[in-house]
Amino acid sequence: MVMTEPEADAIWSLDTINKIIKIIGNPIAFVSDS
């Protein structure tokens, strides 16, 4: 799949942001529920 630089950067950024949210959000949600 060929993409332009901006498209590749945008997809990479969204994927990275989602991973960061899960890493940060899951422990917070776990602690809040406990």
Protein backbone atom coordinates (compact mmCIF):
# COMPACT_ATOMS: atom_id res chain seq x y z
CA MET A 1 0.00 0.00 0.00
CA VAL A 2 1.54 3.27 -1.15
CA MET A 3 0.86 6.41 0.86
CA THR A 4 2.13 9.95 0.83
CA GLU A 5 4.21 11.13 3.78
CA PRO A 6 1.36 13.14 5.40
CA GLU A 7 -1.01 10.18 5.17
CA ALA A 8 1.54 7.79 6.66
CA ASP A 9 2.33 10.24 9.47
CA ALA A 10 -1.36 10.75 10.25
CA ILE A 11 -2.06 7.00 10.43
CA TRP A 12 1.06 6.39 12.52
CA SER A 13 0.11 9.21 14.88
CA LEU A 14 -3.45 7.96 15.36
CA ASP A 15 -2.21 4.43 16.03
CA THR A 16 0.35 5.72 18.51
CA ILE A 17 -2.20 7.96 20.23
CA ASN A 18 -4.63 5.05 20.60
CA LYS A 19 -1.89 2.90 22.15
CA ILE A 20 -0.90 5.67 24.56
CA ILE A 21 -4.54 6.20 25.57
CA LYS A 22 -4.92 2.47 26.29
CA ILE A 23 -1.65 2.35 28.26
CA ILE A 24 -2.57 5.43 30.32
CA GLY A 25 -6.33 4.92 30.42
CA ASN A 26 -6.51 1.25 31.47
CA PRO A 27 -4.61 1.65 34.78
CA ILE A 28 -6.64 4.78 35.60
CA ALA A 29 -9.92 2.99 34.85
CA PHE A 30 -8.77 -0.02 36.88
CA VAL A 31 -7.90 2.15 39.88
CA SER A 32 -11.12 4.18 39.58
CA ASP A 33 -13.26 1.02 39.55
CA SER A 34 -11.47 -0.49 42.55
